[in-house]
Amino acid sequence: MACLITSGYPLQCRDNSGGIQNIYIGAYNGTSMVPTIGTGASASLITAFTGATVSFYTFNQPLETASFEQAGAFSTENGTSMYTSTVTMTMQKLNNTATALINTLGQGTWRIIVLDQNGLYWYIGLQNGARVASATPGTGKALGDLNGAVLTFEAKEPVAAYQLSTAAALSVITA
């Protein structure tokens, strides 16, 4: 396959915001949840799902507490490329319910949808799933410290995370 580009990337308007509104987590079901991926200018956009879909559950995120990043690694020597997607989320109020959920998330493999502050949905763990890489539950020390947990998920994929159309995202988000 020849690697060709057909356009550049112009300077964008300053109408963009950083941060995460919500994170949605669903069980990784291997290859049975099949995405319909666009072509041409929409080649990185998932427009629908077919097959056995799973339910994605909402983890609301307070302003400026969650993040989503993708680190690309490219090896000239091996001729490989990969992306590590990292999603960090906060769960406030450490209690028995939160602890049980943290234990379950730490043991499973997941797919994650991130809704950013620009209203865009991103799909993490398409091919290989995402796993909890670290969890730091605690009570904090000072009165204003976090009493809760910060969880970090990682997914390693051959391509960057796909954007989801709103319709595709809402078709699998349960509550």
Protein backbone atom coordinates (compact mmCIF):
# COMPACT_ATOMS: atom_id res chain seq x y z
CA MET A 1 0.00 0.00 0.00
CA ALA A 2 1.35 3.38 -0.97
CA CYS A 3 1.17 6.05 1.71
CA LEU A 4 -0.07 9.18 -0.02
CA ILE A 5 -1.57 12.41 1.27
CA THR A 6 -3.94 14.46 -0.84
CA SER A 7 -4.20 17.65 1.22
CA GLY A 8 -2.65 19.63 4.04
CA TYR A 9 -4.25 20.76 7.29
CA PRO A 10 -5.17 24.45 7.55
CA LEU A 11 -5.01 26.60 10.65
CA GLN A 12 -8.31 26.10 12.49
CA CYS A 13 -10.64 28.64 14.13
CA ARG A 14 -10.31 29.10 17.88
CA ASP A 15 -13.72 27.60 18.64
CA ASN A 16 -12.41 24.46 20.35
CA SER A 17 -12.35 23.34 24.00
CA GLY A 18 -10.34 20.74 25.87
CA GLY A 19 -11.70 18.23 28.32
CA ILE A 20 -14.26 15.47 28.71
CA GLN A 21 -18.02 15.68 29.37
CA ASN A 22 -18.79 11.99 29.86
CA ILE A 23 -17.19 8.58 29.59
CA TYR A 24 -19.23 5.53 28.60
CA ILE A 25 -17.93 2.03 29.31
CA GLY A 26 -19.15 -1.23 27.77
CA ALA A 27 -17.90 -4.80 27.85
CA TYR A 28 -15.43 -5.83 25.16
CA ASN A 29 -17.14 -8.54 23.13
CA GLY A 30 -14.37 -9.36 20.68
CA THR A 31 -15.35 -8.99 17.06
CA SER A 32 -19.11 -9.52 17.38
CA MET A 33 -19.86 -5.75 17.57
CA VAL A 34 -18.99 -4.68 14.03
CA PRO A 35 -18.60 -0.98 13.18
CA THR A 36 -19.58 0.55 9.86
CA ILE A 37 -16.68 2.85 9.00
CA GLY A 38 -17.00 5.68 6.50
CA THR A 39 -14.88 6.11 3.39
CA GLY A 40 -13.05 8.99 1.77
CA ALA A 41 -13.19 12.10 3.96
CA SER A 42 -15.09 10.05 6.58
CA ALA A 43 -12.55 7.19 6.70
CA SER A 44 -12.03 7.63 10.47
CA LEU A 45 -15.73 7.92 11.37
CA ILE A 46 -17.90 5.08 12.68
CA THR A 47 -21.46 5.64 11.47
CA ALA A 48 -23.25 2.55 12.85
CA PHE A 49 -22.83 -0.84 14.54
CA THR A 50 -24.08 -4.26 13.47
CA GLY A 51 -23.95 -7.64 15.16
CA ALA A 52 -24.24 -8.20 18.89
CA THR A 53 -23.90 -4.77 20.43
CA VAL A 54 -23.22 -4.17 24.12
CA SER A 55 -24.60 -1.53 26.45
CA PHE A 56 -22.36 1.37 27.40
CA TYR A 57 -22.91 2.89 30.85
CA THR A 58 -22.39 6.55 31.75
CA PHE A 59 -19.64 7.79 34.03
CA ASN A 60 -20.30 11.53 34.38
CA GLN A 61 -17.13 13.54 34.74
CA PRO A 62 -16.84 16.81 36.64
CA LEU A 63 -15.33 19.66 34.64
CA GLU A 64 -11.55 19.37 34.16
CA THR A 65 -11.14 15.96 35.83
CA ALA A 66 -10.97 13.51 32.90
CA SER A 67 -8.75 13.26 29.85
CA PHE A 68 -8.25 11.29 26.64
CA GLU A 69 -4.92 11.13 24.81
CA GLN A 70 -3.43 9.07 22.00
CA ALA A 71 0.29 8.47 21.69
CA GLY A 72 1.49 7.22 18.33
CA ALA A 73 4.63 5.04 18.13
CA PHE A 74 6.22 4.44 14.75
CA SER A 75 9.19 2.14 14.14
CA THR A 76 11.28 2.63 11.03
CA GLU A 77 13.31 -0.48 11.87
CA ASN A 78 10.29 -2.76 12.24
CA GLY A 79 7.96 -1.04 9.78
CA THR A 80 5.22 -0.83 12.41
CA SER A 81 2.90 1.79 13.80
CA MET A 82 0.59 1.70 16.82
CA TYR A 83 -1.36 3.99 19.08
CA THR A 84 -1.78 3.83 22.84
CA SER A 85 -5.03 5.51 23.86
CA THR A 86 -5.20 6.60 27.49
CA VAL A 87 -8.43 7.57 29.22
CA THR A 88 -8.24 8.94 32.76
CA MET A 89 -11.44 9.38 34.75
CA THR A 90 -12.43 10.42 38.26
CA MET A 91 -14.97 8.76 40.54
CA GLN A 92 -15.92 10.98 43.47
CA LYS A 93 -16.98 9.63 46.89
CA LEU A 94 -15.10 6.50 47.84
CA ASN A 95 -17.57 3.96 49.24
CA ASN A 96 -18.45 0.26 48.96
CA THR A 97 -20.29 0.73 45.64
CA ALA A 98 -17.35 2.59 44.09
CA THR A 99 -14.84 0.03 45.40
CA ALA A 100 -16.81 -2.88 43.94
CA LEU A 101 -17.05 -1.10 40.58
CA ILE A 102 -13.32 -0.32 40.59
CA ASN A 103 -12.59 -4.01 41.26
CA THR A 104 -14.84 -5.09 38.36
CA LEU A 105 -13.34 -2.54 35.97
CA GLY A 106 -9.83 -3.63 36.97
CA GLN A 107 -10.55 -7.26 36.12
CA GLY A 108 -12.28 -6.82 32.76
CA THR A 109 -11.61 -5.76 29.20
CA TRP A 110 -13.68 -2.84 27.92
CA ARG A 111 -14.59 -0.58 25.07
CA ILE A 112 -14.88 3.09 25.93
CA ILE A 113 -16.70 6.00 24.33
CA VAL A 114 -15.52 9.48 25.27
CA LEU A 115 -17.69 12.57 24.75
CA ASP A 116 -15.39 15.57 24.60
CA GLN A 117 -16.24 19.21 25.37
CA ASN A 118 -16.76 19.85 21.64
CA GLY A 119 -19.60 17.33 21.43
CA LEU A 120 -17.49 14.73 19.59
CA TYR A 121 -17.62 11.03 20.48
CA TRP A 122 -14.42 8.92 20.35
CA TYR A 123 -14.30 5.09 20.38
CA ILE A 124 -11.43 3.47 22.29
CA GLY A 125 -10.54 -0.24 22.22
CA LEU A 126 -12.10 -1.19 18.90
CA GLN A 127 -9.84 -4.11 18.02
CA ASN A 128 -8.08 -5.07 21.26
CA GLY A 129 -10.18 -3.56 24.02
CA ALA A 130 -9.08 -1.33 26.89
CA ARG A 131 -7.95 -2.33 30.37
CA VAL A 132 -7.42 -0.49 33.61
CA ALA A 133 -3.71 0.33 33.83
CA SER A 134 -3.92 1.98 37.25
CA ALA A 135 -6.42 2.91 39.94
CA THR A 136 -5.75 5.19 42.87
CA PRO A 137 -8.68 5.10 45.29
CA GLY A 138 -8.23 7.05 48.49
CA THR A 139 -9.67 9.45 51.04
CA GLY A 140 -7.25 12.30 50.49
CA LYS A 141 -5.47 14.10 53.31
CA ALA A 142 -6.75 17.67 53.41
CA LEU A 143 -10.42 18.57 53.72
CA GLY A 144 -10.52 19.72 50.08
CA ASP A 145 -8.73 16.66 48.63
CA LEU A 146 -10.41 14.09 46.42
CA ASN A 147 -12.23 11.39 48.34
CA GLY A 148 -12.68 8.94 45.48
CA ALA A 149 -10.59 7.34 42.79
CA VAL A 150 -8.77 8.12 39.59
CA LEU A 151 -8.73 5.30 37.04
CA THR A 152 -6.52 5.14 33.97
CA PHE A 153 -7.46 2.89 31.04
CA GLU A 154 -5.12 1.97 28.17
CA ALA A 155 -5.86 0.51 24.76
CA LYS A 156 -3.23 -0.44 22.18
CA GLU A 157 -4.43 -0.38 18.59
CA PRO A 158 -2.91 -0.37 15.10
CA VAL A 159 -4.71 2.92 14.27
CA ALA A 160 -5.82 6.01 16.19
CA ALA A 161 -9.22 5.97 17.90
CA TYR A 162 -12.17 6.44 15.58
CA GLN A 163 -14.65 9.25 15.92
CA LEU A 164 -18.28 8.11 16.27
CA SER A 165 -21.27 9.76 14.69
CA THR A 166 -23.76 10.94 17.31
CA ALA A 167 -26.31 8.41 16.01
CA ALA A 168 -23.86 5.52 16.33
CA ALA A 169 -22.88 6.57 19.87
CA LEU A 170 -26.45 7.00 21.06
CA SER A 171 -27.43 3.62 19.61
CA VAL A 172 -25.26 1.83 22.21
CA ILE A 173 -25.28 4.22 25.21
CA THR A 174 -27.74 2.82 27.76
CA ALA A 175 -27.75 5.21 30.69
